[in-house]
Amino acid sequence: MKDRVTGSRHLKIPNGLELRFGIGLFHIHGHKDACLAKYSPSFIEGGRQIDGETIEMPWAPLNEISRSTRGMLTSHRREVIDDHMNDSNWKKLMDLGRLPLIATA
């Protein structure tokens, strides 16, 4: 990941920012026992109690619009779903400023 970021014109890792890798709580128990202590957010300093399933979270709100998109033509259905996903992404982007960043000196 660092190679992709440093090779990009648009992305930058701030100086002093330490990245720590983890495995979401939903999946960590499917790994080796040694992974639990090393990669679980429960044991990472500054980590949060999250499930790490961000990619699957939008399905619940999208289920709410399924009744109204069911009768649409494919192209219209895709536009409506894209609009809902863009709205979700925009809301997440706006909330990023509320997350604390932990930088190490």
PDB file of N, CA and C in Angstrom:
ATOM      1  N   MET A   1       0.818  -1.175   0.000  1.00  0.00           N
ATOM      2  CA  MET A   1       0.000   0.000   0.000  1.00  0.00           C
ATOM      3  C   MET A   1       0.870   1.250   0.000  1.00  0.00           C
ATOM      4  N   LYS A   2       1.923   1.250   0.804  1.00  0.00           N
ATOM      5  CA  LYS A   2       2.791   2.434   0.850  1.00  0.00           C
ATOM      6  C   LYS A   2       3.395   2.737  -0.514  1.00  0.00           C
ATOM      7  N   ASP A   3       3.743   1.689  -1.273  1.00  0.00           N
ATOM      8  CA  ASP A   3       4.307   1.901  -2.610  1.00  0.00           C
ATOM      9  C   ASP A   3       3.296   2.589  -3.522  1.00  0.00           C
ATOM     10  N   ARG A   4       2.026   2.174  -3.437  1.00  0.00           N
ATOM     11  CA  ARG A   4       0.993   2.779  -4.271  1.00  0.00           C
ATOM     12  C   ARG A   4       0.760   4.236  -3.890  1.00  0.00           C
ATOM     13  N   VAL A   5       0.777   4.522  -2.595  1.00  0.00           N
ATOM     14  CA  VAL A   5       0.542   5.893  -2.145  1.00  0.00           C
ATOM     15  C   VAL A   5       1.713   6.794  -2.531  1.00  0.00           C
ATOM     16  N   THR A   6       2.938   6.335  -2.286  1.00  0.00           N
ATOM     17  CA  THR A   6       4.092   7.178  -2.617  1.00  0.00           C
ATOM     18  C   THR A   6       4.258   7.344  -4.124  1.00  0.00           C
ATOM     19  N   GLY A   7       3.765   6.399  -4.908  1.00  0.00           N
ATOM     20  CA  GLY A   7       3.840   6.502  -6.357  1.00  0.00           C
ATOM     21  C   GLY A   7       2.708   7.302  -6.967  1.00  0.00           C
ATOM     22  N   SER A   8       1.795   7.796  -6.147  1.00  0.00           N
ATOM     23  CA  SER A   8       0.634   8.528  -6.646  1.00  0.00           C
ATOM     24  C   SER A   8       0.870  10.035  -6.604  1.00  0.00           C
ATOM     25  N   ARG A   9       0.339  10.722  -7.590  1.00  0.00           N
ATOM     26  CA  ARG A   9       0.402  12.185  -7.597  1.00  0.00           C
ATOM     27  C   ARG A   9      -0.642  12.785  -6.653  1.00  0.00           C
ATOM     28  N   HIS A  10      -1.679  12.014  -6.323  1.00  0.00           N
ATOM     29  CA  HIS A  10      -2.823  12.565  -5.603  1.00  0.00           C
ATOM     30  C   HIS A  10      -2.876  12.172  -4.131  1.00  0.00           C
ATOM     31  N   LEU A  11      -2.109  11.159  -3.734  1.00  0.00           N
ATOM     32  CA  LEU A  11      -2.173  10.673  -2.357  1.00  0.00           C
ATOM     33  C   LEU A  11      -0.869  10.970  -1.633  1.00  0.00           C
ATOM     34  N   LYS A  12      -0.963  11.156  -0.317  1.00  0.00           N
ATOM     35  CA  LYS A  12       0.226  11.401   0.483  1.00  0.00           C
ATOM     36  C   LYS A  12      -0.033  10.924   1.903  1.00  0.00           C
ATOM     37  N   ILE A  13       0.934  10.257   2.481  1.00  0.00           N
ATOM     38  CA  ILE A  13       0.859   9.877   3.889  1.00  0.00           C
ATOM     39  C   ILE A  13       1.519  11.003   4.676  1.00  0.00           C
ATOM     40  N   PRO A  14       0.805  11.623   5.598  1.00  0.00           N
ATOM     41  CA  PRO A  14       1.382  12.728   6.366  1.00  0.00           C
ATOM     42  C   PRO A  14       2.618  12.278   7.148  1.00  0.00           C
ATOM     43  N   ASN A  15       3.585  13.175   7.270  1.00  0.00           N
ATOM     44  CA  ASN A  15       4.785  12.883   8.059  1.00  0.00           C
ATOM     45  C   ASN A  15       4.395  12.603   9.498  1.00  0.00           C
ATOM     46  N   GLY A  16       5.018  11.616  10.084  1.00  0.00           N
ATOM     47  CA  GLY A  16       4.758  11.276  11.475  1.00  0.00           C
ATOM     48  C   GLY A  16       3.552  10.381  11.691  1.00  0.00           C
ATOM     49  N   LEU A  17       2.842  10.041  10.633  1.00  0.00           N
ATOM     50  CA  LEU A  17       1.674   9.180  10.775  1.00  0.00           C
ATOM     51  C   LEU A  17       2.123   7.727  10.737  1.00  0.00           C
ATOM     52  N   GLU A  18       1.773   6.993  11.760  1.00  0.00           N
ATOM     53  CA  GLU A  18       2.115   5.577  11.827  1.00  0.00           C
ATOM     54  C   GLU A  18       0.893   4.751  11.456  1.00  0.00           C
ATOM     55  N   LEU A  19       1.044   3.906  10.457  1.00  0.00           N
ATOM     56  CA  LEU A  19      -0.050   3.030  10.051  1.00  0.00           C
ATOM     57  C   LEU A  19       0.095   1.691  10.747  1.00  0.00           C
ATOM     58  N   ARG A  20      -0.999   1.231  11.293  1.00  0.00           N
ATOM     59  CA  ARG A  20      -1.013  -0.085  11.940  1.00  0.00           C
ATOM     60  C   ARG A  20      -2.078  -0.920  11.250  1.00  0.00           C
ATOM     61  N   PHE A  21      -1.717  -2.123  10.927  1.00  0.00           N
ATOM     62  CA  PHE A  21      -2.646  -2.995  10.219  1.00  0.00           C
ATOM     63  C   PHE A  21      -3.386  -3.883  11.204  1.00  0.00           C
ATOM     64  N   GLY A  22      -4.643  -4.138  10.920  1.00  0.00           N
ATOM     65  CA  GLY A  22      -5.456  -4.976  11.779  1.00  0.00           C
ATOM     66  C   GLY A  22      -6.437  -5.792  10.958  1.00  0.00           C
ATOM     67  N   ILE A  23      -7.083  -6.701  11.639  1.00  0.00           N
ATOM     68  CA  ILE A  23      -8.098  -7.555  11.030  1.00  0.00           C
ATOM     69  C   ILE A  23      -9.391  -7.298  11.800  1.00  0.00           C
ATOM     70  N   GLY A  24     -10.468  -7.050  11.092  1.00  0.00           N
ATOM     71  CA  GLY A  24     -11.751  -6.761  11.737  1.00  0.00           C
ATOM     72  C   GLY A  24     -12.175  -7.860  12.693  1.00  0.00           C
ATOM     73  N   LEU A  25     -12.921  -7.465  13.718  1.00  0.00           N
ATOM     74  CA  LEU A  25     -13.331  -8.408  14.763  1.00  0.00           C
ATOM     75  C   LEU A  25     -14.190  -9.548  14.227  1.00  0.00           C
ATOM     76  N   PHE A  26     -14.913  -9.303  13.151  1.00  0.00           N
ATOM     77  CA  PHE A  26     -15.749 -10.361  12.594  1.00  0.00           C
ATOM     78  C   PHE A  26     -14.896 -11.481  11.999  1.00  0.00           C
ATOM     79  N   HIS A  27     -13.739 -11.125  11.403  1.00  0.00           N
ATOM     80  CA  HIS A  27     -12.898 -12.103  10.725  1.00  0.00           C
ATOM     81  C   HIS A  27     -11.709 -12.596  11.540  1.00  0.00           C
ATOM     82  N   ILE A  28     -11.314 -11.891  12.578  1.00  0.00           N
ATOM     83  CA  ILE A  28     -10.086 -12.231  13.311  1.00  0.00           C
ATOM     84  C   ILE A  28     -10.150 -13.638  13.902  1.00  0.00           C
ATOM     85  N   HIS A  29     -11.312 -14.086  14.273  1.00  0.00           N
ATOM     86  CA  HIS A  29     -11.423 -15.400  14.922  1.00  0.00           C
ATOM     87  C   HIS A  29     -11.285 -16.555  13.937  1.00  0.00           C
ATOM     88  N   GLY A  30     -11.291 -16.246  12.661  1.00  0.00           N
ATOM     89  CA  GLY A  30     -11.039 -17.266  11.654  1.00  0.00           C
ATOM     90  C   GLY A  30      -9.563 -17.425  11.336  1.00  0.00           C
ATOM     91  N   HIS A  31      -8.730 -16.594  11.949  1.00  0.00           N
ATOM     92  CA  HIS A  31      -7.290 -16.647  11.729  1.00  0.00           C
ATOM     93  C   HIS A  31      -6.622 -17.476  12.822  1.00  0.00           C
ATOM     94  N   LYS A  32      -5.318 -17.595  12.740  1.00  0.00           N
ATOM     95  CA  LYS A  32      -4.558 -18.310  13.763  1.00  0.00           C
ATOM     96  C   LYS A  32      -4.679 -17.583  15.092  1.00  0.00           C
ATOM     97  N   ASP A  33      -4.471 -18.315  16.178  1.00  0.00           N
ATOM     98  CA  ASP A  33      -4.545 -17.700  17.504  1.00  0.00           C
ATOM     99  C   ASP A  33      -3.523 -16.577  17.655  1.00  0.00           C
ATOM    100  N   ALA A  34      -2.368 -16.721  17.023  1.00  0.00           N
ATOM    101  CA  ALA A  34      -1.321 -15.699  17.127  1.00  0.00           C
ATOM    102  C   ALA A  34      -1.767 -14.374  16.510  1.00  0.00           C
ATOM    103  N   CYS A  35      -2.672 -14.422  15.545  1.00  0.00           N
ATOM    104  CA  CYS A  35      -3.148 -13.199  14.893  1.00  0.00           C
ATOM    105  C   CYS A  35      -4.002 -12.353  15.838  1.00  0.00           C
ATOM    106  N   LEU A  36      -4.697 -13.007  16.764  1.00  0.00           N
ATOM    107  CA  LEU A  36      -5.620 -12.291  17.641  1.00  0.00           C
ATOM    108  C   LEU A  36      -4.900 -11.195  18.413  1.00  0.00           C
ATOM    109  N   ALA A  37      -3.825 -11.536  19.096  1.00  0.00           N
ATOM    110  CA  ALA A  37      -3.109 -10.552  19.914  1.00  0.00           C
ATOM    111  C   ALA A  37      -2.404  -9.499  19.064  1.00  0.00           C
ATOM    112  N   LYS A  38      -1.992  -9.872  17.875  1.00  0.00           N
ATOM    113  CA  LYS A  38      -1.208  -8.953  17.047  1.00  0.00           C
ATOM    114  C   LYS A  38      -2.072  -8.024  16.193  1.00  0.00           C
ATOM    115  N   TYR A  39      -3.187  -8.510  15.671  1.00  0.00           N
ATOM    116  CA  TYR A  39      -3.950  -7.744  14.684  1.00  0.00           C
ATOM    117  C   TYR A  39      -5.368  -7.363  15.098  1.00  0.00           C
ATOM    118  N   SER A  40      -5.842  -7.815  16.249  1.00  0.00           N
ATOM    119  CA  SER A  40      -7.201  -7.477  16.672  1.00  0.00           C
ATOM    120  C   SER A  40      -7.270  -6.016  17.106  1.00  0.00           C
ATOM    121  N   PRO A  41      -8.284  -5.260  16.649  1.00  0.00           N
ATOM    122  CA  PRO A  41      -8.433  -3.876  17.101  1.00  0.00           C
ATOM    123  C   PRO A  41      -8.572  -3.770  18.620  1.00  0.00           C
ATOM    124  N   SER A  42      -8.987  -4.841  19.264  1.00  0.00           N
ATOM    125  CA  SER A  42      -9.130  -4.833  20.724  1.00  0.00           C
ATOM    126  C   SER A  42      -7.788  -4.664  21.427  1.00  0.00           C
ATOM    127  N   PHE A  43      -6.707  -5.077  20.767  1.00  0.00           N
ATOM    128  CA  PHE A  43      -5.392  -5.042  21.407  1.00  0.00           C
ATOM    129  C   PHE A  43      -4.440  -4.031  20.766  1.00  0.00           C
ATOM    130  N   ILE A  44      -4.906  -3.268  19.804  1.00  0.00           N
ATOM    131  CA  ILE A  44      -4.075  -2.246  19.165  1.00  0.00           C
ATOM    132  C   ILE A  44      -4.323  -0.932  19.898  1.00  0.00           C
ATOM    133  N   GLU A  45      -3.247  -0.320  20.397  1.00  0.00           N
ATOM    134  CA  GLU A  45      -3.378   0.932  21.120  1.00  0.00           C
ATOM    135  C   GLU A  45      -4.054   1.972  20.227  1.00  0.00           C
ATOM    136  N   GLY A  46      -5.103   2.583  20.741  1.00  0.00           N
ATOM    137  CA  GLY A  46      -5.851   3.561  19.966  1.00  0.00           C
ATOM    138  C   GLY A  46      -6.887   2.933  19.058  1.00  0.00           C
ATOM    139  N   GLY A  47      -6.937   1.601  19.031  1.00  0.00           N
ATOM    140  CA  GLY A  47      -7.914   0.903  18.202  1.00  0.00           C
ATOM    141  C   GLY A  47      -9.312   1.065  18.776  1.00  0.00           C
ATOM    142  N   ARG A  48     -10.296   0.815  17.953  1.00  0.00           N
ATOM    143  CA  ARG A  48     -11.681   0.954  18.384  1.00  0.00           C
ATOM    144  C   ARG A  48     -12.389  -0.382  18.298  1.00  0.00           C
ATOM    145  N   GLN A  49     -13.509  -0.454  18.953  1.00  0.00           N
ATOM    146  CA  GLN A  49     -14.335  -1.652  18.893  1.00  0.00           C
ATOM    147  C   GLN A  49     -15.208  -1.577  17.643  1.00  0.00           C
ATOM    148  N   ILE A  50     -14.643  -2.007  16.535  1.00  0.00           N
ATOM    149  CA  ILE A  50     -15.373  -2.016  15.273  1.00  0.00           C
ATOM    150  C   ILE A  50     -15.318  -3.416  14.691  1.00  0.00           C
ATOM    151  N   ASP A  51     -16.247  -3.711  13.826  1.00  0.00           N
ATOM    152  CA  ASP A  51     -16.238  -5.040  13.223  1.00  0.00           C
ATOM    153  C   ASP A  51     -15.363  -5.095  11.981  1.00  0.00           C
ATOM    154  N   GLY A  52     -15.030  -3.949  11.395  1.00  0.00           N
ATOM    155  CA  GLY A  52     -14.168  -3.927  10.221  1.00  0.00           C
ATOM    156  C   GLY A  52     -14.869  -4.323   8.939  1.00  0.00           C
ATOM    157  N   GLU A  53     -16.178  -4.345   8.949  1.00  0.00           N
ATOM    158  CA  GLU A  53     -16.946  -4.784   7.787  1.00  0.00           C
ATOM    159  C   GLU A  53     -17.511  -3.602   7.019  1.00  0.00           C
ATOM    160  N   THR A  54     -16.711  -2.579   6.824  1.00  0.00           N
ATOM    161  CA  THR A  54     -17.175  -1.365   6.161  1.00  0.00           C
ATOM    162  C   THR A  54     -17.742  -1.646   4.775  1.00  0.00           C
ATOM    163  N   ILE A  55     -17.140  -2.556   4.053  1.00  0.00           N
ATOM    164  CA  ILE A  55     -17.585  -2.833   2.691  1.00  0.00           C
ATOM    165  C   ILE A  55     -19.000  -3.433   2.662  1.00  0.00           C
ATOM    166  N   GLU A  56     -19.403  -4.094   3.749  1.00  0.00           N
ATOM    167  CA  GLU A  56     -20.710  -4.740   3.774  1.00  0.00           C
ATOM    168  C   GLU A  56     -21.794  -3.879   4.421  1.00  0.00           C
ATOM    169  N   MET A  57     -21.417  -2.798   5.064  1.00  0.00           N
ATOM    170  CA  MET A  57     -22.383  -1.968   5.783  1.00  0.00           C
ATOM    171  C   MET A  57     -23.442  -1.317   4.903  1.00  0.00           C
ATOM    172  N   PRO A  58     -23.144  -0.901   3.675  1.00  0.00           N
ATOM    173  CA  PRO A  58     -24.177  -0.228   2.875  1.00  0.00           C
ATOM    174  C   PRO A  58     -25.344  -1.121   2.469  1.00  0.00           C
ATOM    175  N   TRP A  59     -25.235  -2.425   2.638  1.00  0.00           N
ATOM    176  CA  TRP A  59     -26.308  -3.292   2.159  1.00  0.00           C
ATOM    177  C   TRP A  59     -27.607  -3.061   2.912  1.00  0.00           C
ATOM    178  N   ALA A  60     -27.549  -2.802   4.202  1.00  0.00           N
ATOM    179  CA  ALA A  60     -28.792  -2.593   4.954  1.00  0.00           C
ATOM    180  C   ALA A  60     -29.563  -1.377   4.444  1.00  0.00           C
ATOM    181  N   PRO A  61     -28.929  -0.203   4.282  1.00  0.00           N
ATOM    182  CA  PRO A  61     -29.684   0.928   3.727  1.00  0.00           C
ATOM    183  C   PRO A  61     -30.136   0.688   2.288  1.00  0.00           C
ATOM    184  N   LEU A  62     -29.340  -0.039   1.510  1.00  0.00           N
ATOM    185  CA  LEU A  62     -29.746  -0.303   0.131  1.00  0.00           C
ATOM    186  C   LEU A  62     -30.958  -1.230   0.085  1.00  0.00           C
ATOM    187  N   ASN A  63     -31.107  -2.098   1.079  1.00  0.00           N
ATOM    188  CA  ASN A  63     -32.296  -2.952   1.133  1.00  0.00           C
ATOM    189  C   ASN A  63     -33.563  -2.110   1.263  1.00  0.00           C
ATOM    190  N   GLU A  64     -33.428  -0.938   1.897  1.00  0.00           N
ATOM    191  CA  GLU A  64     -34.587  -0.061   2.082  1.00  0.00           C
ATOM    192  C   GLU A  64     -35.107   0.486   0.759  1.00  0.00           C
ATOM    193  N   ILE A  65     -34.226   0.667  -0.226  1.00  0.00           N
ATOM    194  CA  ILE A  65     -34.675   1.217  -1.510  1.00  0.00           C
ATOM    195  C   ILE A  65     -35.006   0.123  -2.520  1.00  0.00           C
ATOM    196  N   SER A  66     -34.841  -1.120  -2.136  1.00  0.00           N
ATOM    197  CA  SER A  66     -35.033  -2.211  -3.094  1.00  0.00           C
ATOM    198  C   SER A  66     -36.462  -2.277  -3.635  1.00  0.00           C
ATOM    199  N   ARG A  67     -37.454  -1.970  -2.799  1.00  0.00           N
ATOM    200  CA  ARG A  67     -38.839  -2.021  -3.282  1.00  0.00           C
ATOM    201  C   ARG A  67     -39.090  -0.989  -4.376  1.00  0.00           C
ATOM    202  N   SER A  68     -38.485   0.192  -4.219  1.00  0.00           N
ATOM    203  CA  SER A  68     -38.729   1.229  -5.220  1.00  0.00           C
ATOM    204  C   SER A  68     -37.888   1.031  -6.476  1.00  0.00           C
ATOM    205  N   THR A  69     -36.764   0.332  -6.380  1.00  0.00           N
ATOM    206  CA  THR A  69     -35.931   0.128  -7.573  1.00  0.00           C
ATOM    207  C   THR A  69     -36.300  -1.142  -8.334  1.00  0.00           C
ATOM    208  N   ARG A  70     -37.060  -1.991  -7.712  1.00  0.00           N
ATOM    209  CA  ARG A  70     -37.390  -3.286  -8.310  1.00  0.00           C
ATOM    210  C   ARG A  70     -38.033  -3.165  -9.689  1.00  0.00           C
ATOM    211  N   GLY A  71     -38.904  -2.198  -9.865  1.00  0.00           N
ATOM    212  CA  GLY A  71     -39.618  -2.055 -11.127  1.00  0.00           C
ATOM    213  C   GLY A  71     -38.933  -1.154 -12.150  1.00  0.00           C
ATOM    214  N   MET A  72     -37.753  -0.678 -11.822  1.00  0.00           N
ATOM    215  CA  MET A  72     -37.058   0.241 -12.724  1.00  0.00           C
ATOM    216  C   MET A  72     -36.301  -0.512 -13.806  1.00  0.00           C
ATOM    217  N   LEU A  73     -36.074   0.169 -14.922  1.00  0.00           N
ATOM    218  CA  LEU A  73     -35.177  -0.385 -15.936  1.00  0.00           C
ATOM    219  C   LEU A  73     -33.761  -0.432 -15.362  1.00  0.00           C
ATOM    220  N   THR A  74     -32.930  -1.301 -15.901  1.00  0.00           N
ATOM    221  CA  THR A  74     -31.589  -1.516 -15.354  1.00  0.00           C
ATOM    222  C   THR A  74     -30.789  -0.228 -15.249  1.00  0.00           C
ATOM    223  N   SER A  75     -30.787   0.589 -16.286  1.00  0.00           N
ATOM    224  CA  SER A  75     -29.983   1.820 -16.263  1.00  0.00           C
ATOM    225  C   SER A  75     -30.479   2.787 -15.186  1.00  0.00           C
ATOM    226  N   HIS A  76     -31.794   2.918 -15.041  1.00  0.00           N
ATOM    227  CA  HIS A  76     -32.338   3.805 -14.008  1.00  0.00           C
ATOM    228  C   HIS A  76     -32.033   3.260 -12.620  1.00  0.00           C
ATOM    229  N   ARG A  77     -32.183   1.954 -12.445  1.00  0.00           N
ATOM    230  CA  ARG A  77     -31.886   1.319 -11.154  1.00  0.00           C
ATOM    231  C   ARG A  77     -30.436   1.585 -10.761  1.00  0.00           C
ATOM    232  N   ARG A  78     -29.512   1.439 -11.722  1.00  0.00           N
ATOM    233  CA  ARG A  78     -28.089   1.680 -11.435  1.00  0.00           C
ATOM    234  C   ARG A  78     -27.840   3.132 -11.024  1.00  0.00           C
ATOM    235  N   GLU A  79     -28.511   4.073 -11.698  1.00  0.00           N
ATOM    236  CA  GLU A  79     -28.352   5.482 -11.345  1.00  0.00           C
ATOM    237  C   GLU A  79     -28.842   5.766  -9.930  1.00  0.00           C
ATOM    238  N   VAL A  80     -29.981   5.196  -9.575  1.00  0.00           N
ATOM    239  CA  VAL A  80     -30.544   5.417  -8.237  1.00  0.00           C
ATOM    240  C   VAL A  80     -29.625   4.811  -7.175  1.00  0.00           C
ATOM    241  N   ILE A  81     -29.143   3.601  -7.410  1.00  0.00           N
ATOM    242  CA  ILE A  81     -28.234   2.965  -6.449  1.00  0.00           C
ATOM    243  C   ILE A  81     -26.927   3.758  -6.356  1.00  0.00           C
ATOM    244  N   ASP A  82     -26.406   4.223  -7.494  1.00  0.00           N
ATOM    245  CA  ASP A  82     -25.200   5.058  -7.482  1.00  0.00           C
ATOM    246  C   ASP A  82     -25.433   6.331  -6.664  1.00  0.00           C
ATOM    247  N   ASP A  83     -26.589   6.954  -6.833  1.00  0.00           N
ATOM    248  CA  ASP A  83     -26.896   8.162  -6.070  1.00  0.00           C
ATOM    249  C   ASP A  83     -26.897   7.883  -4.569  1.00  0.00           C
ATOM    250  N   HIS A  84     -27.486   6.768  -4.173  1.00  0.00           N
ATOM    251  CA  HIS A  84     -27.522   6.416  -2.749  1.00  0.00           C
ATOM    252  C   HIS A  84     -26.118   6.113  -2.228  1.00  0.00           C
ATOM    253  N   MET A  85     -25.310   5.424  -3.027  1.00  0.00           N
ATOM    254  CA  MET A  85     -23.936   5.128  -2.598  1.00  0.00           C
ATOM    255  C   MET A  85     -23.104   6.405  -2.526  1.00  0.00           C
ATOM    256  N   ASN A  86     -23.278   7.307  -3.488  1.00  0.00           N
ATOM    257  CA  ASN A  86     -22.558   8.582  -3.451  1.00  0.00           C
ATOM    258  C   ASN A  86     -22.947   9.395  -2.225  1.00  0.00           C
ATOM    259  N   ASP A  87     -24.226   9.379  -1.868  1.00  0.00           N
ATOM    260  CA  ASP A  87     -24.676  10.067  -0.664  1.00  0.00           C
ATOM    261  C   ASP A  87     -24.031   9.452   0.576  1.00  0.00           C
ATOM    262  N   SER A  88     -23.978   8.134   0.627  1.00  0.00           N
ATOM    263  CA  SER A  88     -23.337   7.446   1.751  1.00  0.00           C
ATOM    264  C   SER A  88     -21.857   7.806   1.847  1.00  0.00           C
ATOM    265  N   ASN A  89     -21.174   7.806   0.700  1.00  0.00           N
ATOM    266  CA  ASN A  89     -19.752   8.155   0.690  1.00  0.00           C
ATOM    267  C   ASN A  89     -19.530   9.601   1.104  1.00  0.00           C
ATOM    268  N   TRP A  90     -20.408  10.509   0.673  1.00  0.00           N
ATOM    269  CA  TRP A  90     -20.290  11.907   1.037  1.00  0.00           C
ATOM    270  C   TRP A  90     -20.435  12.075   2.552  1.00  0.00           C
ATOM    271  N   LYS A  91     -21.396  11.387   3.139  1.00  0.00           N
ATOM    272  CA  LYS A  91     -21.599  11.476   4.584  1.00  0.00           C
ATOM    273  C   LYS A  91     -20.381  10.943   5.339  1.00  0.00           C
ATOM    274  N   LYS A  92     -19.789   9.838   4.841  1.00  0.00           N
ATOM    275  CA  LYS A  92     -18.578   9.308   5.480  1.00  0.00           C
ATOM    276  C   LYS A  92     -17.431  10.294   5.348  1.00  0.00           C
ATOM    277  N   LEU A  93     -17.292  10.927   4.187  1.00  0.00           N
ATOM    278  CA  LEU A  93     -16.232  11.901   3.968  1.00  0.00           C
ATOM    279  C   LEU A  93     -16.372  13.083   4.924  1.00  0.00           C
ATOM    280  N   MET A  94     -17.596  13.547   5.126  1.00  0.00           N
ATOM    281  CA  MET A  94     -17.820  14.673   6.029  1.00  0.00           C
ATOM    282  C   MET A  94     -17.515  14.300   7.477  1.00  0.00           C
ATOM    283  N   ASP A  95     -17.715  13.033   7.846  1.00  0.00           N
ATOM    284  CA  ASP A  95     -17.450  12.588   9.214  1.00  0.00           C
ATOM    285  C   ASP A  95     -15.965  12.340   9.480  1.00  0.00           C
ATOM    286  N   LEU A  96     -15.135  12.279   8.439  1.00  0.00           N
ATOM    287  CA  LEU A  96     -13.714  12.016   8.647  1.00  0.00           C
ATOM    288  C   LEU A  96     -13.063  13.064   9.541  1.00  0.00           C
ATOM    289  N   GLY A  97     -13.509  14.296   9.462  1.00  0.00           N
ATOM    290  CA  GLY A  97     -12.935  15.359  10.280  1.00  0.00           C
ATOM    291  C   GLY A  97     -13.183  15.174  11.762  1.00  0.00           C
ATOM    292  N   ARG A  98     -14.131  14.334  12.118  1.00  0.00           N
ATOM    293  CA  ARG A  98     -14.439  14.090  13.524  1.00  0.00           C
ATOM    294  C   ARG A  98     -13.610  12.967  14.127  1.00  0.00           C
ATOM    295  N   LEU A  99     -12.903  12.218  13.276  1.00  0.00           N
ATOM    296  CA  LEU A  99     -12.092  11.114  13.786  1.00  0.00           C
ATOM    297  C   LEU A  99     -10.759  11.634  14.311  1.00  0.00           C
ATOM    298  N   PRO A 100     -10.329  11.163  15.461  1.00  0.00           N
ATOM    299  CA  PRO A 100      -9.026  11.599  15.975  1.00  0.00           C
ATOM    300  C   PRO A 100      -7.892  10.910  15.211  1.00  0.00           C
ATOM    301  N   LEU A 101      -6.874  11.670  14.862  1.00  0.00           N
ATOM    302  CA  LEU A 101      -5.683  11.101  14.244  1.00  0.00           C
ATOM    303  C   LEU A 101      -4.620  10.969  15.315  1.00  0.00           C
ATOM    304  N   ILE A 102      -4.002   9.805  15.375  1.00  0.00           N
ATOM    305  CA  ILE A 102      -2.950   9.568  16.354  1.00  0.00           C
ATOM    306  C   ILE A 102      -1.629   9.591  15.608  1.00  0.00           C
ATOM    307  N   ALA A 103      -0.856  10.617  15.815  1.00  0.00           N
ATOM    308  CA  ALA A 103       0.460  10.716  15.165  1.00  0.00           C
ATOM    309  C   ALA A 103       1.535  10.440  16.209  1.00  0.00           C
ATOM    310  N   THR A 104       2.577   9.786  15.794  1.00  0.00           N
ATOM    311  CA  THR A 104       3.685   9.524  16.703  1.00  0.00           C
ATOM    312  C   THR A 104       4.840  10.426  16.332  1.00  0.00           C
ATOM    313  N   ALA A 105       5.538  10.843  17.344  1.00  0.00           N
ATOM    314  CA  ALA A 105       6.668  11.758  17.103  1.00  0.00           C
ATOM    315  C   ALA A 105       7.926  11.002  16.809  1.00  0.00           C
TER     316      ALA A 105
END
